[in-house]
Amino acid sequence: MEGVKTPALLLVTIWLCWALAPPAGAEDVLCYERFETGSCQDLLGEGVAQEDCCLNPNYGYQLHPEAPCQSCRPAEWSAWTPWSSCSVSCGEGMRRRSQTCQGHGQCQGVQRRKWETQACSLKDCCPVMGGWSAWSPWSSCSVTCAQGVKQRVRNCTEPTPICGGSCLGHNSETLLCNTYKICPTHGNWGNWEPWGPCSATCSLEGVERKPTQHRRRVCDSPAPSSIPPGLPCSGASNEDRTCALLPYCPVDGSWSNWQSSSPCSVTCGLGRTKEKRLCNNPAPQHGGKACPGSDTRSQFCNTKIPCPVDGQWSEWGKWSECLRPGYTGKINCQEIVGQQKRNRTCKGRSHDGKRCEGSYIEFRSCYNMHLCIREGQWSEWSSWGLCMPACGENPIKSRKRMCQPTYPNYSMVTQGVGNTGSVNVSFWGTPYPRCQPINGQKKEVVESEPCLNILPCSEEYD
């Protein structure tokens, strides 16, 4: 509540969206054991009644293989997606993130997706290009015979680039140069060709003679020159080796019969039963192929028992008016301690789920400052808000200053009821602060400016 000062008190809010129960006789679906961030995981079975699949609120389902995954949980907003990249690499741009409504029913509002847009800046300055210096003199030729190259260089210093800029073009140039002298070419072997295939693909146990394989190379990288004469390649052009590590001839594996199934894996909703088989009829030997397929298989089982759903607290209600029990006079604008209370409700518990922990009611001590005239002071500027509209034309961001009341120097600690010891006291109500006007405004000053470098809203964001 605006104007309330609450020391050391953090109010936790829980937003619950409730799902509608699926209608009787719903069509068969593809049922999955897990629903995570909009996708279905671990297919349990096909042709399952939607009502049976959603006995467990943690499951998900598809109406058909191409349909989107839907959650069995009540409708709720997903976590915010990460912020998108900034729309520009330098200067001010913008970025965007979204939430998606997932589950049965409808989240707060009528849209299935919400968007937020925010100004951003990756780099304060933008690159400025530099300029080249004059070319250096040409270097001497790189060789003493035949043709070579000579080179000249320049530097990107006139002027030096700023903020990551550069100079266009290359910092060096090369030019062919000719000594008008012929160089001799000495021979050099080319790469060995790959080893040829072994004379057999497997060896027999107990036989000493092993298969062999062959490879060769050619003196052509380069070939020796004739005029002037170059040196020939040294060494052999052919090579043989024994295929000593060939495996024994393989024996492929084969499956045994399926063994008996396990009990149902769950006590509520849908679960699985398993069967197992062994690759030992015979087992693969000497590199033979393993048995194709899986050594386990599962079938789903239906307990026809709904899974328990734990209760969840609603949001706390508003604090009641600050009053002093048994006191008939007015306590507002005075240092007289009053009392307030607020309530919450445990919702959604079904099928013997856990009850909500904690109390449904909360009390606090208070000073009633409602409609009291107080001296005020202007707050600092708030942070810039979101760009609005998020997907419309000419979005605007704004910030503001508020005229905030100055509260009296009352004691903020009082004796609690019974033996509870000392308790904190909070100011309650909406006082009337009086601040020096700024631009004719006495309560609130707002500053707005347009958002820059706007991202287009594509059809997938609609």
Protein backbone atom coordinates (compact mmCIF):
# COMPACT_ATOMS: atom_id res chain seq x y z
CA MET A 1 0.00 0.00 0.00
CA GLU A 2 1.38 3.39 -0.97
CA GLY A 3 2.79 5.34 1.94
CA VAL A 4 3.16 2.35 4.31
CA LYS A 5 6.48 1.93 6.08
CA THR A 6 7.01 -1.74 7.04
CA PRO A 7 10.43 -2.42 8.74
CA ALA A 8 12.01 -5.83 8.20
CA LEU A 9 8.88 -7.34 6.66
CA LEU A 10 8.99 -9.28 3.39
CA LEU A 11 5.61 -10.19 1.95
CA VAL A 12 5.71 -13.32 -0.17
CA THR A 13 3.10 -13.53 -2.88
CA ILE A 14 2.08 -16.72 -4.59
CA TRP A 15 0.14 -16.57 -7.81
CA LEU A 16 -1.92 -19.67 -8.49
CA CYS A 17 -3.81 -20.46 -11.72
CA TRP A 18 -6.39 -23.21 -11.44
CA ALA A 19 -7.03 -25.82 -14.13
CA LEU A 20 -10.40 -27.01 -15.33
CA ALA A 21 -10.98 -30.75 -14.97
CA PRO A 22 -10.93 -32.54 -18.35
CA PRO A 23 -14.42 -33.47 -19.59
CA ALA A 24 -15.70 -37.04 -19.28
CA GLY A 25 -15.16 -39.11 -22.40
CA ALA A 26 -12.21 -36.99 -23.63
CA GLU A 27 -10.42 -38.33 -26.71
CA ASP A 28 -7.38 -40.62 -26.47
CA VAL A 29 -3.99 -38.89 -26.35
CA LEU A 30 -0.24 -39.58 -26.30
CA CYS A 31 0.64 -39.58 -22.57
CA TYR A 32 4.11 -38.53 -21.26
CA GLU A 33 5.62 -38.95 -17.78
CA ARG A 34 7.21 -35.48 -17.68
CA PHE A 35 6.26 -31.97 -18.84
CA GLU A 36 9.19 -29.53 -18.80
CA THR A 37 9.30 -25.96 -20.18
CA GLY A 38 6.69 -26.58 -22.87
CA SER A 39 7.93 -30.00 -24.06
CA CYS A 40 6.86 -33.59 -23.32
CA GLN A 41 9.46 -36.14 -22.11
CA ASP A 42 9.37 -39.95 -21.74
CA LEU A 43 6.41 -41.28 -23.73
CA LEU A 44 4.30 -43.52 -21.49
CA GLY A 45 1.90 -44.79 -24.12
CA GLU A 46 -0.47 -43.98 -26.99
CA GLY A 47 -4.25 -44.27 -26.96
CA VAL A 48 -4.54 -43.20 -23.31
CA ALA A 49 -7.68 -41.38 -22.16
CA GLN A 50 -6.87 -37.75 -21.38
CA GLU A 51 -8.70 -38.06 -18.05
CA ASP A 52 -6.51 -41.04 -17.04
CA CYS A 53 -3.28 -39.36 -18.17
CA CYS A 54 -4.03 -36.25 -16.09
CA LEU A 55 -4.64 -38.23 -12.89
CA ASN A 56 -1.03 -37.13 -12.24
CA PRO A 57 -0.69 -33.32 -12.56
CA ASN A 58 3.05 -33.66 -13.37
CA TYR A 59 2.29 -35.50 -16.68
CA GLY A 60 1.83 -34.00 -20.16
CA TYR A 61 0.02 -35.09 -23.34
CA GLN A 62 -0.39 -34.51 -27.11
CA LEU A 63 -3.70 -34.78 -28.97
CA HIS A 64 -1.73 -36.21 -31.94
CA PRO A 65 2.03 -36.54 -32.80
CA GLU A 66 2.17 -33.13 -34.54
CA ALA A 67 0.18 -31.27 -31.84
CA PRO A 68 1.90 -29.05 -29.21
CA CYS A 69 2.60 -30.55 -25.80
CA GLN A 70 0.07 -29.64 -23.09
CA SER A 71 0.53 -29.85 -19.32
CA CYS A 72 -1.81 -31.63 -16.90
CA ARG A 73 -1.05 -28.90 -14.30
CA PRO A 74 -3.29 -25.87 -13.72
CA ALA A 75 -2.52 -22.93 -16.01
CA GLU A 76 0.44 -20.82 -14.88
CA TRP A 77 2.96 -18.43 -16.40
CA SER A 78 6.35 -19.89 -17.35
CA ALA A 79 9.58 -18.31 -16.18
CA TRP A 80 10.72 -15.25 -18.18
CA THR A 81 12.85 -16.16 -21.18
CA PRO A 82 16.39 -14.75 -21.20
CA TRP A 83 16.64 -11.20 -22.56
CA SER A 84 17.24 -11.11 -26.31
CA SER A 85 20.45 -9.65 -27.74
CA CYS A 86 20.64 -5.86 -27.90
CA SER A 87 19.34 -4.52 -31.23
CA VAL A 88 22.55 -2.57 -31.92
CA SER A 89 26.25 -3.19 -31.21
CA CYS A 90 26.99 0.38 -30.12
CA GLY A 91 24.95 3.28 -28.75
CA GLU A 92 21.48 2.74 -27.28
CA GLY A 93 19.24 -0.13 -28.48
CA MET A 94 16.60 -2.37 -26.99
CA ARG A 95 16.03 -6.00 -25.96
CA ARG A 96 12.95 -8.13 -25.27
CA ARG A 97 11.83 -11.15 -23.20
CA SER A 98 8.53 -13.09 -22.84
CA GLN A 99 6.40 -15.43 -20.68
CA THR A 100 4.11 -18.22 -21.95
CA CYS A 101 0.89 -19.45 -20.31
CA GLN A 102 1.22 -23.25 -19.83
CA GLY A 103 -1.31 -25.78 -18.55
CA HIS A 104 -5.12 -26.17 -18.31
CA GLY A 105 -7.32 -23.11 -18.12
CA GLN A 106 -6.25 -19.51 -18.59
CA CYS A 107 -3.67 -17.35 -16.82
CA GLN A 108 -4.39 -13.82 -15.63
CA GLY A 109 -5.43 -11.78 -18.66
CA VAL A 110 -6.52 -13.03 -22.10
CA GLN A 111 -3.16 -13.44 -23.84
CA ARG A 112 -1.18 -16.70 -23.97
CA ARG A 113 2.12 -14.79 -24.11
CA LYS A 114 3.40 -11.60 -22.38
CA TRP A 115 6.27 -9.38 -23.54
CA GLU A 116 8.64 -6.88 -21.89
CA THR A 117 10.93 -4.48 -23.76
CA GLN A 118 13.91 -2.67 -22.19
CA ALA A 119 16.54 -0.18 -23.36
CA CYS A 120 20.14 -1.52 -23.57
CA SER A 121 23.69 -0.45 -24.49
CA LEU A 122 26.55 -2.87 -25.29
CA LYS A 123 29.12 -0.18 -26.03
CA ASP A 124 29.02 3.57 -25.37
CA CYS A 125 30.94 4.56 -28.53
CA CYS A 126 30.77 3.41 -32.19
CA PRO A 127 33.86 2.56 -34.31
CA VAL A 128 35.64 5.34 -36.27
CA MET A 129 37.76 4.25 -39.27
CA GLY A 130 41.47 5.12 -39.46
CA GLY A 131 43.75 6.10 -42.37
CA TRP A 132 46.84 4.51 -43.95
CA SER A 133 50.38 5.93 -43.82
CA ALA A 134 52.53 6.12 -46.98
CA TRP A 135 53.91 2.84 -48.42
CA SER A 136 57.45 1.80 -47.33
CA PRO A 137 60.15 1.16 -50.02
CA TRP A 138 60.10 -2.26 -51.77
CA SER A 139 62.18 -4.99 -50.04
CA SER A 140 64.88 -7.01 -51.87
CA CYS A 141 63.89 -10.16 -53.85
CA SER A 142 63.20 -13.20 -51.66
CA VAL A 143 65.30 -15.68 -53.75
CA THR A 144 68.68 -15.87 -55.53
CA CYS A 145 67.46 -17.98 -58.47
CA ALA A 146 64.24 -18.25 -60.52
CA GLN A 147 61.35 -16.02 -59.45
CA GLY A 148 60.56 -14.67 -55.98
CA VAL A 149 58.65 -11.81 -54.45
CA LYS A 150 59.38 -8.45 -52.92
CA GLN A 151 57.17 -6.64 -50.43
CA ARG A 152 56.23 -3.23 -49.08
CA VAL A 153 54.09 -2.30 -46.05
CA ARG A 154 52.09 0.59 -44.56
CA ASN A 155 50.62 1.38 -41.13
CA CYS A 156 47.06 2.26 -40.02
CA THR A 157 48.14 5.39 -38.10
CA GLU A 158 47.05 8.47 -40.09
CA PRO A 159 44.80 8.79 -38.20
CA THR A 160 44.68 5.86 -35.75
CA PRO A 161 41.20 4.20 -35.65
CA ILE A 162 38.98 4.82 -32.59
CA CYS A 163 36.71 2.50 -30.59
CA GLY A 164 37.50 -0.70 -32.51
CA GLY A 165 37.62 0.83 -35.99
CA SER A 166 40.13 -0.22 -38.68
CA CYS A 167 41.56 0.81 -42.05
CA LEU A 168 40.07 -0.50 -45.29
CA GLY A 169 42.34 -2.64 -47.44
CA HIS A 170 45.59 -4.54 -46.75
CA ASN A 171 48.67 -3.40 -44.87
CA SER A 172 51.08 -5.10 -47.31
CA GLU A 173 51.61 -5.63 -51.07
CA THR A 174 53.78 -8.19 -52.87
CA LEU A 175 55.31 -8.04 -56.38
CA LEU A 176 56.95 -10.78 -58.45
CA CYS A 177 60.72 -10.43 -59.05
CA ASN A 178 62.93 -12.42 -61.50
CA THR A 179 66.65 -13.28 -60.94
CA TYR A 180 66.89 -14.69 -64.49
CA LYS A 181 68.73 -17.74 -63.04
CA ILE A 182 67.48 -21.37 -63.27
CA CYS A 183 67.41 -23.37 -59.96
CA PRO A 184 67.99 -27.18 -59.85
CA THR A 185 65.03 -29.23 -58.57
CA HIS A 186 65.85 -32.15 -56.24
CA GLY A 187 63.51 -35.12 -56.10
CA ASN A 188 61.18 -35.62 -53.14
CA TRP A 189 58.81 -38.46 -52.33
CA GLY A 190 55.09 -37.96 -52.54
CA ASN A 191 52.90 -39.20 -49.70
CA TRP A 192 52.61 -42.92 -49.11
CA GLU A 193 49.44 -44.29 -50.61
CA PRO A 194 47.00 -45.75 -48.03
CA TRP A 195 47.72 -49.31 -46.99
CA GLY A 196 45.94 -51.73 -49.27
CA PRO A 197 43.42 -54.22 -47.89
CA CYS A 198 44.65 -57.28 -46.00
CA SER A 199 44.54 -60.51 -47.95
CA ALA A 200 41.86 -61.74 -45.52
CA THR A 201 39.38 -59.98 -43.19
CA CYS A 202 39.89 -62.33 -40.22
CA SER A 203 42.43 -64.89 -39.14
CA LEU A 204 42.02 -68.45 -38.00
CA GLU A 205 43.14 -69.40 -34.52
CA GLY A 206 46.34 -71.58 -34.45
CA VAL A 207 47.62 -70.57 -37.95
CA GLU A 208 51.05 -68.84 -37.93
CA ARG A 209 50.92 -67.32 -41.41
CA LYS A 210 49.12 -63.98 -41.28
CA PRO A 211 47.60 -61.96 -44.12
CA THR A 212 49.70 -59.05 -45.55
CA GLN A 213 49.02 -55.58 -46.98
CA HIS A 214 51.00 -53.39 -49.43
CA ARG A 215 51.55 -49.68 -50.18
CA ARG A 216 53.79 -47.55 -52.49
CA ARG A 217 54.98 -43.98 -53.10
CA VAL A 218 56.19 -41.98 -56.16
CA CYS A 219 59.16 -39.56 -56.48
CA ASP A 220 57.06 -36.72 -57.89
CA SER A 221 56.77 -34.07 -55.17
CA PRO A 222 58.63 -32.79 -57.11
CA ALA A 223 60.42 -35.04 -59.63
CA PRO A 224 64.18 -34.23 -60.00
CA SER A 225 65.01 -31.77 -62.78
CA SER A 226 67.21 -32.65 -65.82
CA ILE A 227 68.77 -29.25 -66.61
CA PRO A 228 70.33 -28.36 -64.28
CA PRO A 229 70.31 -31.93 -62.85
CA GLY A 230 68.55 -32.50 -59.49
CA LEU A 231 69.13 -35.29 -56.99
CA PRO A 232 66.88 -38.40 -57.12
CA CYS A 233 64.73 -39.53 -54.14
CA SER A 234 66.49 -41.84 -51.66
CA GLY A 235 64.88 -44.96 -50.17
CA ALA A 236 62.42 -47.64 -51.36
CA SER A 237 59.27 -46.95 -53.33
CA ASN A 238 57.37 -50.04 -52.01
CA GLU A 239 56.58 -51.41 -48.54
CA ASP A 240 54.81 -54.51 -47.15
CA ARG A 241 53.69 -55.42 -43.63
CA THR A 242 51.95 -58.32 -41.87
CA CYS A 243 48.34 -57.91 -40.74
CA ALA A 244 49.21 -59.22 -37.30
CA LEU A 245 46.27 -57.70 -35.37
CA LEU A 246 43.36 -59.04 -37.41
CA PRO A 247 40.51 -60.26 -35.22
CA TYR A 248 39.28 -63.81 -35.14
CA CYS A 249 36.32 -64.41 -37.41
CA PRO A 250 33.24 -62.91 -35.70
CA VAL A 251 30.21 -64.66 -34.21
CA ASP A 252 27.03 -62.52 -34.03
CA GLY A 253 24.94 -62.50 -30.84
CA SER A 254 21.27 -63.52 -30.50
CA TRP A 255 18.56 -62.75 -27.89
CA SER A 256 17.16 -65.13 -25.25
CA ASN A 257 13.41 -65.14 -24.44
CA TRP A 258 11.78 -62.22 -22.58
CA GLN A 259 11.64 -62.66 -18.77
CA SER A 260 8.70 -61.89 -16.48
CA SER A 261 7.57 -58.22 -15.88
CA SER A 262 8.06 -56.13 -12.71
CA PRO A 263 5.21 -54.70 -10.57
CA CYS A 264 3.64 -51.38 -11.56
CA SER A 265 6.13 -48.53 -10.88
CA VAL A 266 3.59 -46.14 -9.27
CA THR A 267 0.77 -46.22 -6.72
CA CYS A 268 -1.37 -43.53 -8.43
CA GLY A 269 -2.06 -42.50 -12.03
CA LEU A 270 -0.20 -44.30 -14.84
CA GLY A 271 3.11 -46.17 -14.47
CA ARG A 272 5.21 -48.82 -16.19
CA THR A 273 5.93 -52.53 -15.99
CA LYS A 274 9.23 -53.90 -17.40
CA GLU A 275 10.47 -57.07 -19.15
CA LYS A 276 14.14 -58.03 -19.76
CA ARG A 277 16.09 -60.38 -22.07
CA LEU A 278 19.78 -61.38 -22.40
CA CYS A 279 22.08 -61.39 -25.44
CA ASN A 280 23.44 -64.89 -24.73
CA ASN A 281 21.85 -67.21 -27.31
CA PRO A 282 24.76 -67.13 -28.28
CA ALA A 283 26.73 -64.15 -26.94
CA PRO A 284 28.71 -62.17 -29.57
CA GLN A 285 32.33 -63.36 -29.96
CA HIS A 286 35.49 -62.05 -31.71
CA GLY A 287 33.89 -58.75 -32.76
CA GLY A 288 30.58 -60.26 -33.83
CA LYS A 289 27.54 -57.97 -33.93
CA ALA A 290 25.67 -57.28 -30.73
CA CYS A 291 22.02 -58.20 -30.53
CA PRO A 292 19.89 -55.58 -32.29
CA GLY A 293 17.31 -53.64 -30.26
CA SER A 294 16.89 -53.01 -26.54
CA ASP A 295 17.31 -55.51 -23.72
CA THR A 296 14.28 -54.04 -21.90
CA ARG A 297 10.78 -53.08 -22.84
CA SER A 298 7.99 -51.47 -20.87
CA GLN A 299 4.20 -51.35 -20.91
CA PHE A 300 2.09 -48.81 -19.08
CA CYS A 301 -0.17 -49.82 -16.18
CA ASN A 302 -3.19 -47.87 -14.86
CA THR A 303 -3.89 -47.75 -11.10
CA LYS A 304 -7.14 -45.76 -11.68
CA ILE A 305 -6.23 -43.83 -8.49
CA PRO A 306 -5.84 -40.02 -8.66
CA CYS A 307 -2.54 -38.69 -7.31
CA PRO A 308 -2.67 -36.36 -4.25
CA VAL A 309 -2.49 -32.60 -4.82
CA ASP A 310 -1.05 -30.49 -1.98
CA GLY A 311 -2.76 -27.31 -0.84
CA GLN A 312 -1.24 -23.91 -1.66
CA TRP A 313 -1.72 -20.61 0.19
CA SER A 314 -3.49 -17.81 -1.64
CA GLU A 315 -2.03 -14.30 -1.55
CA TRP A 316 -2.41 -12.45 1.74
CA GLY A 317 -5.47 -10.18 1.83
CA LYS A 318 -5.19 -6.47 2.56
CA TRP A 319 -4.42 -5.30 6.08
CA SER A 320 -7.55 -4.28 7.99
CA GLU A 321 -8.00 -0.71 9.28
CA CYS A 322 -5.60 0.19 12.10
CA LEU A 323 -7.83 0.30 15.25
CA ARG A 324 -7.28 -0.03 19.00
CA PRO A 325 -9.57 -2.78 20.39
CA GLY A 326 -11.83 -1.48 23.17
CA TYR A 327 -10.87 2.17 22.52
CA THR A 328 -13.80 4.36 21.40
CA GLY A 329 -11.85 7.47 20.44
CA LYS A 330 -9.93 8.21 17.23
CA ILE A 331 -6.30 7.10 17.08
CA ASN A 332 -5.27 8.46 13.66
CA CYS A 333 -2.51 11.12 13.57
CA GLN A 334 -1.59 10.29 17.20
CA GLU A 335 1.08 8.17 18.91
CA ILE A 336 -1.49 5.55 19.94
CA VAL A 337 -0.67 1.94 18.99
CA GLY A 338 -3.44 0.05 17.20
CA GLN A 339 -3.78 -3.42 15.69
CA GLN A 340 -4.40 -4.86 12.19
CA LYS A 341 -4.95 -8.30 10.76
CA ARG A 342 -5.03 -10.00 7.36
CA ASN A 343 -6.06 -13.47 6.12
CA ARG A 344 -5.18 -16.03 3.44
CA THR A 345 -6.87 -19.24 2.21
CA CYS A 346 -5.49 -22.76 1.64
CA LYS A 347 -6.65 -23.70 -1.88
CA GLY A 348 -6.37 -26.59 -4.28
CA ARG A 349 -5.91 -29.50 -1.85
CA SER A 350 -7.41 -32.75 -3.14
CA HIS A 351 -7.05 -36.53 -2.98
CA ASP A 352 -5.53 -36.44 0.52
CA GLY A 353 -2.73 -34.01 -0.43
CA LYS A 354 -0.76 -32.11 2.22
CA ARG A 355 -2.43 -29.27 4.06
CA CYS A 356 -0.92 -25.77 3.87
CA GLU A 357 1.73 -25.13 6.52
CA GLY A 358 1.55 -22.06 8.75
CA SER A 359 -1.29 -19.82 9.95
CA TYR A 360 -4.17 -18.45 7.88
CA ILE A 361 -4.21 -15.16 9.87
CA GLU A 362 -1.53 -12.58 10.72
CA PHE A 363 -1.58 -9.63 13.19
CA ARG A 364 0.66 -6.58 13.55
CA SER A 365 0.85 -3.41 15.65
CA CYS A 366 0.38 -0.08 13.86
CA TYR A 367 0.07 3.72 13.99
CA ASN A 368 -2.95 5.06 12.02
CA MET A 369 -1.69 7.82 9.69
CA HIS A 370 -4.67 7.70 7.32
CA LEU A 371 -5.57 11.14 5.88
CA CYS A 372 -3.02 12.85 8.18
CA ILE A 373 -1.41 15.99 6.75
CA ARG A 374 2.41 15.59 6.82
CA GLU A 375 5.43 17.47 5.57
CA GLY A 376 6.81 15.72 2.48
CA GLN A 377 10.06 15.40 0.56
CA TRP A 378 10.70 14.47 -3.08
CA SER A 379 12.15 11.01 -3.78
CA GLU A 380 15.12 10.42 -6.10
CA TRP A 381 14.37 9.65 -9.76
CA SER A 382 13.26 6.05 -10.23
CA SER A 383 14.96 3.76 -12.77
CA TRP A 384 13.76 4.03 -16.36
CA GLY A 385 10.69 1.85 -16.86
CA LEU A 386 9.93 -0.61 -19.69
CA CYS A 387 9.44 0.58 -23.26
CA MET A 388 5.68 0.82 -23.86
CA PRO A 389 4.03 -0.46 -25.92
CA ALA A 390 6.32 -3.52 -26.16
CA CYS A 391 5.25 -4.36 -29.74
CA GLY A 392 3.65 -1.14 -30.97
CA GLU A 393 4.88 1.97 -32.77
CA ASN A 394 6.93 4.73 -31.09
CA PRO A 395 7.47 3.11 -27.67
CA ILE A 396 8.18 5.44 -24.74
CA LYS A 397 10.12 4.88 -21.49
CA SER A 398 9.54 7.01 -18.38
CA ARG A 399 10.73 7.62 -14.82
CA LYS A 400 9.26 9.64 -11.94
CA ARG A 401 9.73 11.30 -8.55
CA MET A 402 7.11 11.03 -5.79
CA CYS A 403 6.20 13.36 -2.95
CA GLN A 404 6.73 11.06 0.05
CA PRO A 405 5.48 11.84 3.59
CA THR A 406 7.84 12.39 6.52
CA TYR A 407 6.59 10.25 9.39
CA PRO A 408 6.72 11.43 13.05
CA ASN A 409 9.46 10.16 15.38
CA TYR A 410 7.18 7.69 17.19
CA SER A 411 8.54 4.63 18.99
CA MET A 412 8.64 1.76 16.49
CA VAL A 413 8.65 -0.99 19.19
CA THR A 414 5.82 -1.89 21.62
CA GLN A 415 5.00 -4.66 24.10
CA GLY A 416 3.19 -7.58 22.46
CA VAL A 417 0.06 -9.30 23.77
CA GLY A 418 0.66 -11.87 26.55
CA ASN A 419 4.26 -13.01 26.87
CA THR A 420 5.25 -12.40 23.25
CA GLY A 421 7.83 -9.74 24.20
CA SER A 422 8.59 -6.65 22.10
CA VAL A 423 7.10 -6.35 18.60
CA ASN A 424 7.65 -3.87 15.75
CA VAL A 425 5.11 -1.14 14.95
CA SER A 426 4.25 -0.14 11.35
CA PHE A 427 2.75 3.08 9.97
CA TRP A 428 -0.56 2.45 8.15
CA GLY A 429 -2.82 4.53 5.95
CA THR A 430 -2.49 7.11 3.19
CA PRO A 431 -1.35 10.47 4.57
CA TYR A 432 -1.40 13.76 2.66
CA PRO A 433 2.27 14.81 2.12
CA ARG A 434 3.04 18.43 1.26
CA CYS A 435 6.10 19.08 -0.94
CA GLN A 436 7.41 22.22 -2.65
CA PRO A 437 5.86 22.11 -6.17
CA ILE A 438 8.12 21.13 -9.11
CA ASN A 439 6.89 22.50 -12.45
CA GLY A 440 3.51 23.03 -10.81
CA GLN A 441 3.26 19.39 -9.68
CA LYS A 442 2.71 18.66 -5.97
CA LYS A 443 2.45 14.85 -5.84
CA GLU A 444 4.29 13.28 -8.78
CA VAL A 445 6.75 14.43 -11.47
CA VAL A 446 7.05 12.24 -14.60
CA GLU A 447 9.82 12.39 -17.27
CA SER A 448 9.47 10.49 -20.58
CA GLU A 449 11.59 9.98 -23.69
CA PRO A 450 11.39 7.69 -26.75
CA CYS A 451 13.13 4.29 -26.88
CA LEU A 452 15.85 4.05 -29.60
CA ASN A 453 16.70 1.39 -32.23
CA ILE A 454 13.40 -0.49 -31.95
CA LEU A 455 13.27 -4.21 -32.76
CA PRO A 456 10.47 -5.23 -35.18
CA CYS A 457 7.75 -7.52 -33.76
CA SER A 458 7.63 -10.61 -36.00
CA GLU A 459 4.50 -12.76 -36.47
CA GLU A 460 5.75 -15.35 -33.94
CA TYR A 461 5.48 -12.65 -31.21
CA ASP A 462 1.81 -11.91 -31.96
